[in-house]
Amino acid sequence: MKRKEIPEFEDEAEERRFWSQTDSTDYVDWSQAQRLQLPELHPTLKTISLRLPVSLIAELKVLANKRDVPYQSLLKTYLADRVREELERQTVSPGA
């Protein structure tokens, strides 16, 4: 199958509009694609201020120490796990 030639774009916004409305298989042979690894790519982080009871922080530090990880990293893991669980629960039973 002959592929269409990808047009030149004036800017990113024009290119974004084009690809959002176009079937890329007309332009790209995806069977020849190779998976790209970006090991240095990290998610964007934002610092927040969070007030927690001192006793909760102490307990978190005990748990983190048992796992030999920083307590803030453990807190992020716990928070991410809980958010994922809540989102899955909403997906399984919407409106509940």
N, C-alpha and C. Protein backbone atom coordinates (compact mmCIF):
# COMPACT_ATOMS: atom_id res chain seq x y z
N MET A 1 0.83 -1.19 0.00
CA MET A 1 0.00 0.00 0.00
C MET A 1 0.87 1.24 0.00
N LYS A 2 0.60 2.16 -0.87
CA LYS A 2 1.36 3.41 -0.94
C LYS A 2 0.85 4.36 0.13
N ARG A 3 1.76 4.90 0.90
CA ARG A 3 1.41 5.81 1.99
C ARG A 3 1.34 7.25 1.47
N LYS A 4 0.48 8.02 2.10
CA LYS A 4 0.38 9.44 1.78
C LYS A 4 1.59 10.17 2.38
N GLU A 5 1.97 11.26 1.76
CA GLU A 5 3.10 12.05 2.27
C GLU A 5 2.60 12.95 3.41
N ILE A 6 3.37 12.97 4.49
CA ILE A 6 3.01 13.79 5.64
C ILE A 6 3.21 15.26 5.26
N PRO A 7 2.18 16.09 5.44
CA PRO A 7 2.32 17.50 5.06
C PRO A 7 3.25 18.26 6.00
N GLU A 8 3.69 19.42 5.56
CA GLU A 8 4.48 20.29 6.44
C GLU A 8 3.51 21.16 7.22
N PHE A 9 3.83 21.42 8.46
CA PHE A 9 2.94 22.17 9.33
C PHE A 9 3.58 23.50 9.71
N GLU A 10 2.74 24.50 9.90
CA GLU A 10 3.25 25.82 10.29
C GLU A 10 3.68 25.84 11.75
N ASP A 11 2.98 25.09 12.58
CA ASP A 11 3.32 25.06 14.01
C ASP A 11 2.77 23.78 14.64
N GLU A 12 3.07 23.61 15.93
CA GLU A 12 2.64 22.40 16.64
C GLU A 12 1.13 22.29 16.72
N ALA A 13 0.47 23.42 16.90
CA ALA A 13 -0.99 23.40 17.02
C ALA A 13 -1.63 22.86 15.74
N GLU A 14 -1.10 23.28 14.59
CA GLU A 14 -1.64 22.79 13.32
C GLU A 14 -1.39 21.29 13.18
N GLU A 15 -0.20 20.85 13.56
CA GLU A 15 0.12 19.43 13.49
C GLU A 15 -0.76 18.62 14.44
N ARG A 16 -0.98 19.13 15.63
CA ARG A 16 -1.83 18.46 16.62
C ARG A 16 -3.25 18.30 16.07
N ARG A 17 -3.79 19.36 15.47
CA ARG A 17 -5.13 19.29 14.89
C ARG A 17 -5.19 18.24 13.78
N PHE A 18 -4.15 18.25 12.93
CA PHE A 18 -4.11 17.31 11.81
C PHE A 18 -4.16 15.86 12.31
N TRP A 19 -3.27 15.51 13.25
CA TRP A 19 -3.20 14.12 13.72
C TRP A 19 -4.42 13.73 14.55
N SER A 20 -5.08 14.70 15.18
CA SER A 20 -6.28 14.37 15.96
C SER A 20 -7.46 14.04 15.06
N GLN A 21 -7.38 14.45 13.79
CA GLN A 21 -8.50 14.23 12.86
C GLN A 21 -8.14 13.26 11.73
N THR A 22 -6.94 12.69 11.76
CA THR A 22 -6.44 11.89 10.64
C THR A 22 -6.07 10.49 11.08
N ASP A 23 -6.34 9.51 10.25
CA ASP A 23 -5.92 8.14 10.51
C ASP A 23 -4.45 8.01 10.12
N SER A 24 -3.60 7.80 11.10
CA SER A 24 -2.15 7.77 10.85
C SER A 24 -1.72 6.59 9.98
N THR A 25 -2.54 5.54 9.89
CA THR A 25 -2.16 4.39 9.08
C THR A 25 -2.11 4.73 7.59
N ASP A 26 -2.73 5.85 7.20
CA ASP A 26 -2.62 6.30 5.81
C ASP A 26 -1.25 6.90 5.53
N TYR A 27 -0.53 7.27 6.60
CA TYR A 27 0.73 7.98 6.48
C TYR A 27 1.94 7.21 7.01
N VAL A 28 1.71 6.30 7.93
CA VAL A 28 2.81 5.61 8.61
C VAL A 28 2.60 4.10 8.55
N ASP A 29 3.65 3.36 8.24
CA ASP A 29 3.60 1.90 8.26
C ASP A 29 3.97 1.44 9.66
N TRP A 30 2.97 1.25 10.50
CA TRP A 30 3.21 0.92 11.90
C TRP A 30 3.79 -0.48 12.09
N SER A 31 3.73 -1.32 11.06
CA SER A 31 4.32 -2.66 11.19
C SER A 31 5.85 -2.57 11.25
N GLN A 32 6.40 -1.45 10.82
CA GLN A 32 7.86 -1.25 10.85
C GLN A 32 8.30 -0.48 12.11
N ALA A 33 7.36 -0.13 12.96
CA ALA A 33 7.67 0.66 14.16
C ALA A 33 8.48 -0.16 15.16
N GLN A 34 9.32 0.53 15.89
CA GLN A 34 10.11 -0.09 16.96
C GLN A 34 9.80 0.64 18.26
N ARG A 35 9.69 -0.11 19.35
CA ARG A 35 9.42 0.49 20.65
C ARG A 35 10.62 1.32 21.08
N LEU A 36 10.34 2.52 21.56
CA LEU A 36 11.37 3.45 21.99
C LEU A 36 11.45 3.43 23.51
N GLN A 37 12.64 3.32 24.03
CA GLN A 37 12.86 3.35 25.47
C GLN A 37 13.41 4.73 25.84
N LEU A 38 12.80 5.36 26.84
CA LEU A 38 13.26 6.67 27.32
C LEU A 38 13.55 6.55 28.82
N PRO A 39 14.69 5.96 29.17
CA PRO A 39 14.96 5.68 30.58
C PRO A 39 15.16 6.93 31.44
N GLU A 40 15.50 8.05 30.84
CA GLU A 40 15.73 9.26 31.61
C GLU A 40 14.48 10.13 31.75
N LEU A 41 13.35 9.68 31.20
CA LEU A 41 12.12 10.45 31.25
C LEU A 41 11.43 10.22 32.59
N HIS A 42 11.20 11.28 33.31
CA HIS A 42 10.56 11.19 34.62
C HIS A 42 9.29 12.03 34.62
N PRO A 43 8.29 11.64 35.41
CA PRO A 43 7.06 12.43 35.46
C PRO A 43 7.33 13.81 36.06
N THR A 44 6.56 14.77 35.63
CA THR A 44 6.67 16.11 36.19
C THR A 44 6.17 16.08 37.63
N LEU A 45 6.92 16.68 38.52
CA LEU A 45 6.57 16.69 39.93
C LEU A 45 6.19 18.10 40.37
N LYS A 46 5.31 18.18 41.34
CA LYS A 46 4.94 19.46 41.92
C LYS A 46 5.02 19.33 43.43
N THR A 47 5.68 20.26 44.05
CA THR A 47 5.81 20.26 45.50
C THR A 47 4.54 20.83 46.11
N ILE A 48 4.04 20.14 47.14
CA ILE A 48 2.85 20.63 47.85
C ILE A 48 3.17 20.67 49.34
N SER A 49 2.36 21.41 50.06
CA SER A 49 2.47 21.45 51.52
C SER A 49 1.30 20.65 52.07
N LEU A 50 1.61 19.72 52.96
CA LEU A 50 0.58 18.84 53.50
C LEU A 50 0.77 18.76 55.01
N ARG A 51 -0.25 19.12 55.75
CA ARG A 51 -0.18 19.06 57.21
C ARG A 51 -0.70 17.71 57.67
N LEU A 52 0.16 16.98 58.37
CA LEU A 52 -0.20 15.66 58.89
C LEU A 52 0.07 15.63 60.39
N PRO A 53 -0.70 14.82 61.12
CA PRO A 53 -0.43 14.68 62.55
C PRO A 53 0.98 14.11 62.76
N VAL A 54 1.65 14.61 63.77
CA VAL A 54 3.01 14.16 64.08
C VAL A 54 3.03 12.64 64.31
N SER A 55 1.99 12.12 64.97
CA SER A 55 1.95 10.68 65.23
C SER A 55 1.87 9.88 63.94
N LEU A 56 1.13 10.38 62.95
CA LEU A 56 1.03 9.68 61.67
C LEU A 56 2.38 9.67 60.96
N ILE A 57 3.09 10.79 61.01
CA ILE A 57 4.42 10.85 60.39
C ILE A 57 5.37 9.88 61.09
N ALA A 58 5.29 9.82 62.41
CA ALA A 58 6.15 8.89 63.16
C ALA A 58 5.87 7.45 62.77
N GLU A 59 4.59 7.10 62.65
CA GLU A 59 4.23 5.73 62.25
C GLU A 59 4.69 5.43 60.83
N LEU A 60 4.55 6.41 59.96
CA LEU A 60 4.99 6.26 58.58
C LEU A 60 6.51 6.05 58.53
N LYS A 61 7.24 6.78 59.36
CA LYS A 61 8.70 6.63 59.40
C LYS A 61 9.10 5.23 59.88
N VAL A 62 8.35 4.69 60.84
CA VAL A 62 8.63 3.34 61.33
C VAL A 62 8.44 2.34 60.19
N LEU A 63 7.32 2.45 59.47
CA LEU A 63 7.06 1.54 58.35
C LEU A 63 8.11 1.69 57.25
N ALA A 64 8.48 2.92 56.96
CA ALA A 64 9.48 3.17 55.92
C ALA A 64 10.83 2.60 56.33
N ASN A 65 11.17 2.76 57.59
CA ASN A 65 12.45 2.24 58.09
C ASN A 65 12.52 0.72 57.95
N LYS A 66 11.41 0.04 58.22
CA LYS A 66 11.36 -1.41 58.08
C LYS A 66 11.60 -1.84 56.63
N ARG A 67 11.19 -0.98 55.68
CA ARG A 67 11.37 -1.28 54.26
C ARG A 67 12.65 -0.66 53.69
N ASP A 68 13.33 0.10 54.53
CA ASP A 68 14.57 0.76 54.12
C ASP A 68 14.35 1.71 52.94
N VAL A 69 13.27 2.50 53.05
CA VAL A 69 12.97 3.51 52.04
C VAL A 69 12.68 4.83 52.76
N PRO A 70 12.85 5.95 52.08
CA PRO A 70 12.48 7.23 52.70
C PRO A 70 10.97 7.29 52.95
N TYR A 71 10.58 7.91 54.06
CA TYR A 71 9.16 7.91 54.41
C TYR A 71 8.32 8.67 53.39
N GLN A 72 8.87 9.70 52.75
CA GLN A 72 8.09 10.42 51.76
C GLN A 72 7.84 9.55 50.52
N SER A 73 8.81 8.72 50.17
CA SER A 73 8.61 7.79 49.04
C SER A 73 7.54 6.77 49.37
N LEU A 74 7.54 6.27 50.59
CA LEU A 74 6.52 5.32 51.01
C LEU A 74 5.14 5.98 51.00
N LEU A 75 5.07 7.22 51.46
CA LEU A 75 3.80 7.95 51.45
C LEU A 75 3.29 8.11 50.02
N LYS A 76 4.17 8.44 49.08
CA LYS A 76 3.75 8.57 47.68
C LYS A 76 3.23 7.24 47.13
N THR A 77 3.88 6.14 47.51
CA THR A 77 3.45 4.81 47.06
C THR A 77 2.07 4.50 47.63
N TYR A 78 1.87 4.73 48.92
CA TYR A 78 0.57 4.49 49.54
C TYR A 78 -0.52 5.33 48.88
N LEU A 79 -0.22 6.58 48.66
CA LEU A 79 -1.20 7.48 48.06
C LEU A 79 -1.55 7.05 46.63
N ALA A 80 -0.54 6.71 45.85
CA ALA A 80 -0.77 6.27 44.47
C ALA A 80 -1.61 4.99 44.44
N ASP A 81 -1.30 4.04 45.34
CA ASP A 81 -2.07 2.80 45.41
C ASP A 81 -3.54 3.07 45.73
N ARG A 82 -3.78 3.94 46.68
CA ARG A 82 -5.15 4.24 47.09
C ARG A 82 -5.92 4.96 45.99
N VAL A 83 -5.28 5.90 45.33
CA VAL A 83 -5.94 6.62 44.23
C VAL A 83 -6.30 5.64 43.12
N ARG A 84 -5.38 4.73 42.78
CA ARG A 84 -5.65 3.72 41.75
C ARG A 84 -6.84 2.85 42.16
N GLU A 85 -6.88 2.42 43.43
CA GLU A 85 -8.00 1.60 43.92
C GLU A 85 -9.32 2.34 43.78
N GLU A 86 -9.33 3.61 44.16
CA GLU A 86 -10.56 4.40 44.09
C GLU A 86 -11.02 4.57 42.64
N LEU A 87 -10.07 4.82 41.74
CA LEU A 87 -10.43 4.97 40.33
C LEU A 87 -10.96 3.68 39.75
N GLU A 88 -10.37 2.54 40.14
CA GLU A 88 -10.85 1.24 39.67
C GLU A 88 -12.26 0.97 40.21
N ARG A 89 -12.48 1.33 41.45
CA ARG A 89 -13.81 1.12 42.06
C ARG A 89 -14.86 1.94 41.32
N GLN A 90 -14.52 3.18 40.95
CA GLN A 90 -15.47 4.02 40.20
C GLN A 90 -15.74 3.45 38.82
N THR A 91 -14.73 2.84 38.21
CA THR A 91 -14.90 2.26 36.88
C THR A 91 -15.81 1.03 36.95
N VAL A 92 -15.63 0.22 37.98
CA VAL A 92 -16.41 -1.01 38.13
C VAL A 92 -17.86 -0.69 38.49
N SER A 93 -18.07 0.27 39.35
CA SER A 93 -19.44 0.60 39.77
C SER A 93 -19.68 2.10 39.66
N PRO A 94 -19.85 2.60 38.43
CA PRO A 94 -20.10 4.03 38.26
C PRO A 94 -21.40 4.45 38.94
N GLY A 95 -21.37 5.60 39.56
CA GLY A 95 -22.56 6.12 40.23
C GLY A 95 -22.74 5.57 41.62
N ALA A 96 -21.81 4.73 42.07
CA ALA A 96 -21.96 4.17 43.42
C ALA A 96 -21.42 5.11 44.46
